[in-house]
């Protein structure tokens, strides 16, 4: 199979993914299109999708360890490595769809290793301390970065739990009462709904592209503001989780389990 034919075949799968309603903006217009070109050499070398997933996890762990030893000026290379790992997150899916080897196990380990990406930020307060460029001071920066990392992990746990119990809810015999439960809530105007939906899409987009923003800040030697940016982003993300929790409560409160 020639390079051009292979690339066109991968792009067909990309177009199918774009039509899916749940596909997020950053996935649709940034990560998936870029990942197509990185997928080609893996297809040629006949590397399996699960192997790419393991490679991504190994690289992230290596980057995490290296981040404690690099100079502050070299931290951008750690972030570029994390950027590559983020692309690999989509390469394994492209490979699985191209080779028709998608599996529940592959989906499981892919989601499991998604939690590793934020660990490249752990050493950031220490790196800033070396050049006396902390956002506040070393102790508070460590506290802030700890909150940021925990919030990333909590979000992944929340989404996985919600997906699991949403499946149970959809298959529950009380599914017929779903519309009744929804109507018990206070009606929101279409304008407010549009604003909330737009804000959700914006926050989702920023959450999916945080590594790109961090790279830009690092290039301009503004690494201390990476912590501030991530902090604001995670606080906004928690507002989304709070909204989702309220919605879940309205729909699930009457369901016996």
C-alpha atoms as a PDB file:
ATOM      1  CA  UNK A   1       0.000   0.000   0.000  1.00  0.00           C
ATOM      2  CA  UNK A   2       1.474   3.368  -1.082  1.00  0.00           C
ATOM      3  CA  UNK A   3       1.839   6.295   1.284  1.00  0.00           C
ATOM      4  CA  UNK A   4      -0.907   8.282  -0.499  1.00  0.00           C
ATOM      5  CA  UNK A   5      -3.432   5.418  -0.485  1.00  0.00           C
ATOM      6  CA  UNK A   6      -2.680   4.704   3.177  1.00  0.00           C
ATOM      7  CA  UNK A   7      -3.112   8.358   4.104  1.00  0.00           C
ATOM      8  CA  UNK A   8      -6.436   8.589   2.251  1.00  0.00           C
ATOM      9  CA  UNK A   9      -7.672   5.443   3.984  1.00  0.00           C
ATOM     10  CA  UNK A  10      -6.832   6.926   7.393  1.00  0.00           C
ATOM     11  CA  UNK A  11      -8.522  10.201   6.446  1.00  0.00           C
ATOM     12  CA  UNK A  12     -11.726   8.300   5.632  1.00  0.00           C
ATOM     13  CA  UNK A  13     -11.786   6.997   9.202  1.00  0.00           C
ATOM     14  CA  UNK A  14     -11.175  10.565  10.367  1.00  0.00           C
ATOM     15  CA  UNK A  15     -14.225  11.828   8.473  1.00  0.00           C
ATOM     16  CA  UNK A  16     -16.355   9.117  10.086  1.00  0.00           C
ATOM     17  CA  UNK A  17     -15.139  10.234  13.525  1.00  0.00           C
ATOM     18  CA  UNK A  18     -15.923  13.866  12.720  1.00  0.00           C
ATOM     19  CA  UNK A  19     -19.574  13.008  12.104  1.00  0.00           C
ATOM     20  CA  UNK A  20     -20.008  11.680  15.629  1.00  0.00           C
ATOM     21  CA  UNK A  21     -21.936  14.147  17.775  1.00  0.00           C
ATOM     22  CA  UNK A  22     -19.862  13.514  20.892  1.00  0.00           C
ATOM     23  CA  UNK A  23     -16.604  14.363  19.115  1.00  0.00           C
ATOM     24  CA  UNK A  24     -15.106  17.393  20.883  1.00  0.00           C
ATOM     25  CA  UNK A  25     -13.731  20.389  19.003  1.00  0.00           C
ATOM     26  CA  UNK A  26     -10.061  19.831  19.873  1.00  0.00           C
ATOM     27  CA  UNK A  27     -10.374  16.166  18.918  1.00  0.00           C
ATOM     28  CA  UNK A  28     -12.070  16.997  15.660  1.00  0.00           C
ATOM     29  CA  UNK A  29      -9.906  19.853  14.433  1.00  0.00           C
ATOM     30  CA  UNK A  30      -6.515  19.481  16.137  1.00  0.00           C
ATOM     31  CA  UNK A  31      -5.527  16.123  17.601  1.00  0.00           C
ATOM     32  CA  UNK A  32      -7.148  13.693  15.175  1.00  0.00           C
ATOM     33  CA  UNK A  33      -6.064  15.495  11.963  1.00  0.00           C
ATOM     34  CA  UNK A  34      -2.466  15.770  13.252  1.00  0.00           C
ATOM     35  CA  UNK A  35      -2.437  12.165  14.444  1.00  0.00           C
ATOM     36  CA  UNK A  36      -3.262  10.866  10.954  1.00  0.00           C
ATOM     37  CA  UNK A  37       0.218  11.782   9.701  1.00  0.00           C
ATOM     38  CA  UNK A  38       1.904  10.228  12.742  1.00  0.00           C
ATOM     39  CA  UNK A  39      -0.111   7.032  12.261  1.00  0.00           C
ATOM     40  CA  UNK A  40       1.324   6.271   8.821  1.00  0.00           C
ATOM     41  CA  UNK A  41       4.816   5.108   9.958  1.00  0.00           C
ATOM     42  CA  UNK A  42       3.260   2.893  12.653  1.00  0.00           C
ATOM     43  CA  UNK A  43       1.068   1.236  10.008  1.00  0.00           C
ATOM     44  CA  UNK A  44       4.064   0.717   7.707  1.00  0.00           C
ATOM     45  CA  UNK A  45       6.094  -0.785  10.558  1.00  0.00           C
ATOM     46  CA  UNK A  46       3.080  -2.980  11.477  1.00  0.00           C
ATOM     47  CA  UNK A  47       3.094  -1.815  15.089  1.00  0.00           C
ATOM     48  CA  UNK A  48      -0.022  -2.804  17.022  1.00  0.00           C
ATOM     49  CA  UNK A  49      -2.305  -0.226  18.606  1.00  0.00           C
ATOM     50  CA  UNK A  50      -1.831  -1.626  22.120  1.00  0.00           C
ATOM     51  CA  UNK A  51       1.952  -1.325  21.694  1.00  0.00           C
ATOM     52  CA  UNK A  52       1.527   2.389  20.934  1.00  0.00           C
ATOM     53  CA  UNK A  53      -0.541   2.772  24.104  1.00  0.00           C
ATOM     54  CA  UNK A  54       2.213   1.130  26.169  1.00  0.00           C
ATOM     55  CA  UNK A  55       4.810   3.310  24.430  1.00  0.00           C
ATOM     56  CA  UNK A  56       2.852   6.429  25.370  1.00  0.00           C
ATOM     57  CA  UNK A  57       2.701   5.376  29.032  1.00  0.00           C
ATOM     58  CA  UNK A  58       6.438   4.579  29.104  1.00  0.00           C
ATOM     59  CA  UNK A  59       7.357   7.913  27.499  1.00  0.00           C
ATOM     60  CA  UNK A  60       5.238   9.864  29.975  1.00  0.00           C
ATOM     61  CA  UNK A  61       6.902   8.139  32.928  1.00  0.00           C
ATOM     62  CA  UNK A  62      10.344   8.883  31.437  1.00  0.00           C
ATOM     63  CA  UNK A  63       9.377  12.537  30.878  1.00  0.00           C
ATOM     64  CA  UNK A  64       8.131  12.724  34.469  1.00  0.00           C
ATOM     65  CA  UNK A  65      11.501  11.534  35.791  1.00  0.00           C
ATOM     66  CA  UNK A  66      13.512  13.753  33.450  1.00  0.00           C
ATOM     67  CA  UNK A  67      11.511  16.835  34.452  1.00  0.00           C
ATOM     68  CA  UNK A  68      13.248  16.825  37.871  1.00  0.00           C
ATOM     69  CA  UNK A  69      16.706  17.052  36.303  1.00  0.00           C
ATOM     70  CA  UNK A  70      16.387  19.416  33.349  1.00  0.00           C
ATOM     71  CA  UNK A  71      17.132  23.127  33.517  1.00  0.00           C
ATOM     72  CA  UNK A  72      14.198  25.485  33.510  1.00  0.00           C
ATOM     73  CA  UNK A  73      15.149  26.626  30.002  1.00  0.00           C
ATOM     74  CA  UNK A  74      14.909  23.025  28.770  1.00  0.00           C
ATOM     75  CA  UNK A  75      11.480  22.334  30.291  1.00  0.00           C
ATOM     76  CA  UNK A  76       9.858  23.149  26.963  1.00  0.00           C
ATOM     77  CA  UNK A  77      11.346  19.888  25.621  1.00  0.00           C
ATOM     78  CA  UNK A  78       9.517  17.963  28.338  1.00  0.00           C
ATOM     79  CA  UNK A  79       6.289  19.633  27.237  1.00  0.00           C
ATOM     80  CA  UNK A  80       7.015  18.883  23.583  1.00  0.00           C
ATOM     81  CA  UNK A  81       7.495  15.255  24.570  1.00  0.00           C
ATOM     82  CA  UNK A  82       4.118  15.369  26.332  1.00  0.00           C
ATOM     83  CA  UNK A  83       2.632  16.916  23.166  1.00  0.00           C
ATOM     84  CA  UNK A  84       3.914  13.923  21.201  1.00  0.00           C
ATOM     85  CA  UNK A  85       2.387  11.578  23.791  1.00  0.00           C
ATOM     86  CA  UNK A  86      -0.935  13.376  23.404  1.00  0.00           C
ATOM     87  CA  UNK A  87      -0.790  12.706  19.663  1.00  0.00           C
ATOM     88  CA  UNK A  88      -0.007   9.038  20.346  1.00  0.00           C
ATOM     89  CA  UNK A  89      -3.248   8.916  22.337  1.00  0.00           C
ATOM     90  CA  UNK A  90      -5.054   9.249  18.997  1.00  0.00           C
ATOM     91  CA  UNK A  91      -2.571   7.226  16.939  1.00  0.00           C
ATOM     92  CA  UNK A  92      -3.446   4.010  18.780  1.00  0.00           C
ATOM     93  CA  UNK A  93      -7.144   4.525  18.005  1.00  0.00           C
ATOM     94  CA  UNK A  94      -6.361   5.250  14.363  1.00  0.00           C
ATOM     95  CA  UNK A  95      -4.330   2.052  14.164  1.00  0.00           C
ATOM     96  CA  UNK A  96      -7.043  -0.023  15.811  1.00  0.00           C
ATOM     97  CA  UNK A  97      -9.699   1.266  13.402  1.00  0.00           C
ATOM     98  CA  UNK A  98      -7.439   0.892  10.354  1.00  0.00           C
ATOM     99  CA  UNK A  99      -6.443  -2.681  11.274  1.00  0.00           C
ATOM    100  CA  UNK A 100      -9.957  -3.489  12.538  1.00  0.00           C
ATOM    101  CA  UNK A 101      -8.536  -4.557  15.891  1.00  0.00           C
ATOM    102  CA  UNK A 102     -10.619  -2.376  18.216  1.00  0.00           C
ATOM    103  CA  UNK A 103     -11.264  -4.119  21.524  1.00  0.00           C
ATOM    104  CA  UNK A 104     -12.682  -3.454  24.954  1.00  0.00           C
ATOM    105  CA  UNK A 105      -9.234  -4.071  26.454  1.00  0.00           C
ATOM    106  CA  UNK A 106      -7.682  -1.468  24.164  1.00  0.00           C
ATOM    107  CA  UNK A 107     -10.331   1.052  25.184  1.00  0.00           C
ATOM    108  CA  UNK A 108      -9.675   0.240  28.846  1.00  0.00           C
ATOM    109  CA  UNK A 109      -5.888   0.727  28.828  1.00  0.00           C
ATOM    110  CA  UNK A 110      -6.163   3.795  26.612  1.00  0.00           C
ATOM    111  CA  UNK A 111      -8.445   5.502  29.131  1.00  0.00           C
ATOM    112  CA  UNK A 112      -6.305   4.275  32.020  1.00  0.00           C
ATOM    113  CA  UNK A 113      -3.117   5.866  30.702  1.00  0.00           C
ATOM    114  CA  UNK A 114      -4.876   9.143  29.863  1.00  0.00           C
ATOM    115  CA  UNK A 115      -4.426  10.027  33.531  1.00  0.00           C
ATOM    116  CA  UNK A 116      -0.641  10.091  33.168  1.00  0.00           C
ATOM    117  CA  UNK A 117      -0.248  13.186  30.977  1.00  0.00           C
ATOM    118  CA  UNK A 118      -0.508  15.814  33.790  1.00  0.00           C
ATOM    119  CA  UNK A 119       2.427  14.261  35.715  1.00  0.00           C
ATOM    120  CA  UNK A 120       4.816  16.261  33.518  1.00  0.00           C
ATOM    121  CA  UNK A 121       3.756  19.330  35.549  1.00  0.00           C
ATOM    122  CA  UNK A 122       4.790  17.967  38.950  1.00  0.00           C
ATOM    123  CA  UNK A 123       8.347  19.340  38.906  1.00  0.00           C
ATOM    124  CA  UNK A 124       7.309  22.790  37.663  1.00  0.00           C
ATOM    125  CA  UNK A 125       7.483  24.557  41.082  1.00  0.00           C
ATOM    126  CA  UNK A 126      10.987  23.150  41.677  1.00  0.00           C
ATOM    127  CA  UNK A 127      12.165  24.276  38.255  1.00  0.00           C
ATOM    128  CA  UNK A 128      10.802  27.765  38.841  1.00  0.00           C
ATOM    129  CA  UNK A 129      12.478  27.847  42.248  1.00  0.00           C
ATOM    130  CA  UNK A 130      15.887  27.261  40.646  1.00  0.00           C
ATOM    131  CA  UNK A 131      15.623  30.599  38.843  1.00  0.00           C
ATOM    132  CA  UNK A 132      13.667  32.381  41.605  1.00  0.00           C
ATOM    133  CA  UNK A 133      10.628  32.642  39.392  1.00  0.00           C
ATOM    134  CA  UNK A 134       7.820  31.041  41.397  1.00  0.00           C
ATOM    135  CA  UNK A 135       4.249  32.176  40.917  1.00  0.00           C
ATOM    136  CA  UNK A 136       3.922  32.844  44.689  1.00  0.00           C
ATOM    137  CA  UNK A 137       6.509  30.840  46.602  1.00  0.00           C
ATOM    138  CA  UNK A 138       7.742  27.261  46.500  1.00  0.00           C
ATOM    139  CA  UNK A 139       5.406  25.914  49.187  1.00  0.00           C
ATOM    140  CA  UNK A 140       2.235  27.453  47.760  1.00  0.00           C
ATOM    141  CA  UNK A 141       3.209  26.554  44.197  1.00  0.00           C
ATOM    142  CA  UNK A 142       3.611  22.919  45.262  1.00  0.00           C
ATOM    143  CA  UNK A 143       0.210  23.094  46.944  1.00  0.00           C
ATOM    144  CA  UNK A 144      -1.369  24.562  43.805  1.00  0.00           C
ATOM    145  CA  UNK A 145       0.221  22.031  41.455  1.00  0.00           C
ATOM    146  CA  UNK A 146      -0.920  19.229  43.788  1.00  0.00           C
ATOM    147  CA  UNK A 147      -4.507  20.507  43.590  1.00  0.00           C
ATOM    148  CA  UNK A 148      -4.216  20.758  39.800  1.00  0.00           C
ATOM    149  CA  UNK A 149      -2.973  17.180  39.453  1.00  0.00           C
ATOM    150  CA  UNK A 150      -5.600  15.820  41.838  1.00  0.00           C
ATOM    151  CA  UNK A 151      -8.296  17.638  39.889  1.00  0.00           C
ATOM    152  CA  UNK A 152      -7.123  16.005  36.651  1.00  0.00           C
ATOM    153  CA  UNK A 153      -7.270  12.564  38.277  1.00  0.00           C
ATOM    154  CA  UNK A 154     -10.635  13.296  39.920  1.00  0.00           C
ATOM    155  CA  UNK A 155     -12.115  14.377  36.575  1.00  0.00           C
ATOM    156  CA  UNK A 156     -11.028  11.111  34.944  1.00  0.00           C
ATOM    157  CA  UNK A 157     -12.529   9.108  37.810  1.00  0.00           C
ATOM    158  CA  UNK A 158     -15.750  11.149  37.678  1.00  0.00           C
ATOM    159  CA  UNK A 159     -16.133  10.650  33.920  1.00  0.00           C
ATOM    160  CA  UNK A 160     -15.450   6.918  34.103  1.00  0.00           C
ATOM    161  CA  UNK A 161     -17.928   6.455  36.965  1.00  0.00           C
ATOM    162  CA  UNK A 162     -20.540   8.530  35.186  1.00  0.00           C
ATOM    163  CA  UNK A 163     -20.109   6.494  31.989  1.00  0.00           C
ATOM    164  CA  UNK A 164     -20.459   3.244  33.926  1.00  0.00           C
ATOM    165  CA  UNK A 165     -23.595   4.238  35.798  1.00  0.00           C
ATOM    166  CA  UNK A 166     -25.111   6.006  32.800  1.00  0.00           C
ATOM    167  CA  UNK A 167     -24.975   2.646  31.053  1.00  0.00           C
ATOM    168  CA  UNK A 168     -26.794   1.038  33.991  1.00  0.00           C
ATOM    169  CA  UNK A 169     -29.319   3.857  34.003  1.00  0.00           C
ATOM    170  CA  UNK A 170     -30.043   3.438  30.300  1.00  0.00           C
ATOM    171  CA  UNK A 171     -30.706  -0.250  30.862  1.00  0.00           C
ATOM    172  CA  UNK A 172     -32.766   0.187  34.000  1.00  0.00           C
ATOM    173  CA  UNK A 173     -36.427  -0.796  33.879  1.00  0.00           C
ATOM    174  CA  UNK A 174     -37.282   2.712  35.081  1.00  0.00           C
ATOM    175  CA  UNK A 175     -35.877   4.244  31.906  1.00  0.00           C
ATOM    176  CA  UNK A 176     -39.469   4.921  30.859  1.00  0.00           C
ATOM    177  CA  UNK A 177     -39.679   7.494  33.672  1.00  0.00           C
ATOM    178  CA  UNK A 178     -36.681   9.408  32.346  1.00  0.00           C
ATOM    179  CA  UNK A 179     -38.717  12.131  30.662  1.00  0.00           C
ATOM    180  CA  UNK A 180     -40.825  12.605  33.792  1.00  0.00           C
ATOM    181  CA  UNK A 181     -37.723  13.028  35.935  1.00  0.00           C
ATOM    182  CA  UNK A 182     -36.297  15.577  33.525  1.00  0.00           C
ATOM    183  CA  UNK A 183     -39.451  17.677  33.666  1.00  0.00           C
ATOM    184  CA  UNK A 184     -39.323  18.049  37.424  1.00  0.00           C
ATOM    185  CA  UNK A 185     -36.387  20.446  37.091  1.00  0.00           C
ATOM    186  CA  UNK A 186     -36.785  24.118  36.542  1.00  0.00           C
ATOM    187  CA  UNK A 187     -36.989  25.040  32.858  1.00  0.00           C
ATOM    188  CA  UNK A 188     -34.108  27.087  31.566  1.00  0.00           C
ATOM    189  CA  UNK A 189     -34.515  29.612  28.765  1.00  0.00           C
ATOM    190  CA  UNK A 190     -32.985  28.685  25.438  1.00  0.00           C
ATOM    191  CA  UNK A 191     -30.598  31.648  25.770  1.00  0.00           C
ATOM    192  CA  UNK A 192     -29.210  30.387  29.083  1.00  0.00           C
ATOM    193  CA  UNK A 193     -28.928  26.878  27.676  1.00  0.00           C
ATOM    194  CA  UNK A 194     -26.974  28.176  24.690  1.00  0.00           C
ATOM    195  CA  UNK A 195     -24.638  30.148  26.955  1.00  0.00           C
ATOM    196  CA  UNK A 196     -24.045  27.139  29.200  1.00  0.00           C
ATOM    197  CA  UNK A 197     -23.441  24.830  26.235  1.00  0.00           C
ATOM    198  CA  UNK A 198     -21.041  27.314  24.652  1.00  0.00           C
ATOM    199  CA  UNK A 199     -19.130  27.725  27.913  1.00  0.00           C
ATOM    200  CA  UNK A 200     -18.919  23.945  28.289  1.00  0.00           C
ATOM    201  CA  UNK A 201     -17.475  23.577  24.790  1.00  0.00           C
ATOM    202  CA  UNK A 202     -14.958  26.351  25.491  1.00  0.00           C
ATOM    203  CA  UNK A 203     -13.819  24.786  28.774  1.00  0.00           C
ATOM    204  CA  UNK A 204     -13.607  21.338  27.161  1.00  0.00           C
ATOM    205  CA  UNK A 205     -11.495  22.808  24.362  1.00  0.00           C
ATOM    206  CA  UNK A 206      -9.119  24.505  26.817  1.00  0.00           C
ATOM    207  CA  UNK A 207      -8.865  21.305  28.852  1.00  0.00           C
ATOM    208  CA  UNK A 208      -7.905  19.329  25.760  1.00  0.00           C
ATOM    209  CA  UNK A 209      -5.309  21.866  24.591  1.00  0.00           C
ATOM    210  CA  UNK A 210      -3.646  22.765  27.908  1.00  0.00           C
ATOM    211  CA  UNK A 211      -0.368  21.198  26.785  1.00  0.00           C
ATOM    212  CA  UNK A 212      -0.251  23.512  23.735  1.00  0.00           C
ATOM    213  CA  UNK A 213      -0.818  26.624  25.862  1.00  0.00           C
ATOM    214  CA  UNK A 214       1.826  25.411  28.330  1.00  0.00           C
ATOM    215  CA  UNK A 215       4.339  25.005  25.490  1.00  0.00           C
ATOM    216  CA  UNK A 216       3.685  28.558  24.280  1.00  0.00           C
ATOM    217  CA  UNK A 217       4.111  29.978  27.801  1.00  0.00           C
ATOM    218  CA  UNK A 218       7.310  27.988  28.272  1.00  0.00           C
ATOM    219  CA  UNK A 219       8.773  29.206  24.955  1.00  0.00           C
ATOM    220  CA  UNK A 220       8.340  32.796  26.155  1.00  0.00           C
ATOM    221  CA  UNK A 221       9.863  31.966  29.586  1.00  0.00           C
ATOM    222  CA  UNK A 222       6.514  32.424  31.324  1.00  0.00           C
ATOM    223  CA  UNK A 223       6.539  29.034  33.043  1.00  0.00           C
ATOM    224  CA  UNK A 224       5.267  30.344  36.346  1.00  0.00           C
ATOM    225  CA  UNK A 225       2.035  31.335  34.595  1.00  0.00           C
ATOM    226  CA  UNK A 226       1.494  27.729  33.517  1.00  0.00           C
ATOM    227  CA  UNK A 227       0.472  27.049  37.109  1.00  0.00           C
ATOM    228  CA  UNK A 228      -1.927  30.001  37.108  1.00  0.00           C
ATOM    229  CA  UNK A 229      -3.410  28.981  33.767  1.00  0.00           C
ATOM    230  CA  UNK A 230      -3.913  25.376  34.882  1.00  0.00           C
ATOM    231  CA  UNK A 231      -5.406  26.510  38.191  1.00  0.00           C
ATOM    232  CA  UNK A 232      -8.016  28.691  36.471  1.00  0.00           C
ATOM    233  CA  UNK A 233      -8.742  25.893  34.027  1.00  0.00           C
ATOM    234  CA  UNK A 234      -9.264  23.294  36.757  1.00  0.00           C
ATOM    235  CA  UNK A 235     -11.526  25.589  38.783  1.00  0.00           C
ATOM    236  CA  UNK A 236     -13.659  26.126  35.676  1.00  0.00           C
ATOM    237  CA  UNK A 237     -13.655  22.382  35.145  1.00  0.00           C
ATOM    238  CA  UNK A 238     -15.001  21.842  38.654  1.00  0.00           C
ATOM    239  CA  UNK A 239     -17.924  24.142  37.848  1.00  0.00           C
ATOM    240  CA  UNK A 240     -18.706  21.821  34.942  1.00  0.00           C
ATOM    241  CA  UNK A 241     -18.533  18.798  37.242  1.00  0.00           C
ATOM    242  CA  UNK A 242     -20.874  20.514  39.703  1.00  0.00           C
ATOM    243  CA  UNK A 243     -23.396  21.166  36.920  1.00  0.00           C
ATOM    244  CA  UNK A 244     -23.103  17.578  35.702  1.00  0.00           C
ATOM    245  CA  UNK A 245     -23.635  16.284  39.260  1.00  0.00           C
ATOM    246  CA  UNK A 246     -26.841  18.310  39.626  1.00  0.00           C
ATOM    247  CA  UNK A 247     -28.095  16.957  36.299  1.00  0.00           C
ATOM    248  CA  UNK A 248     -27.198  13.392  37.288  1.00  0.00           C
ATOM    249  CA  UNK A 249     -29.003  13.732  40.619  1.00  0.00           C
ATOM    250  CA  UNK A 250     -32.208  14.837  38.888  1.00  0.00           C
ATOM    251  CA  UNK A 251     -32.158  11.850  36.567  1.00  0.00           C
ATOM    252  CA  UNK A 252     -30.859   9.144  38.909  1.00  0.00           C
ATOM    253  CA  UNK A 253     -32.328  10.037  42.305  1.00  0.00           C
ATOM    254  CA  UNK A 254     -35.405   7.825  41.800  1.00  0.00           C
ATOM    255  CA  UNK A 255     -33.461   4.840  40.515  1.00  0.00           C
ATOM    256  CA  UNK A 256     -32.980   1.985  42.976  1.00  0.00           C
ATOM    257  CA  UNK A 257     -29.657   0.198  42.721  1.00  0.00           C
END
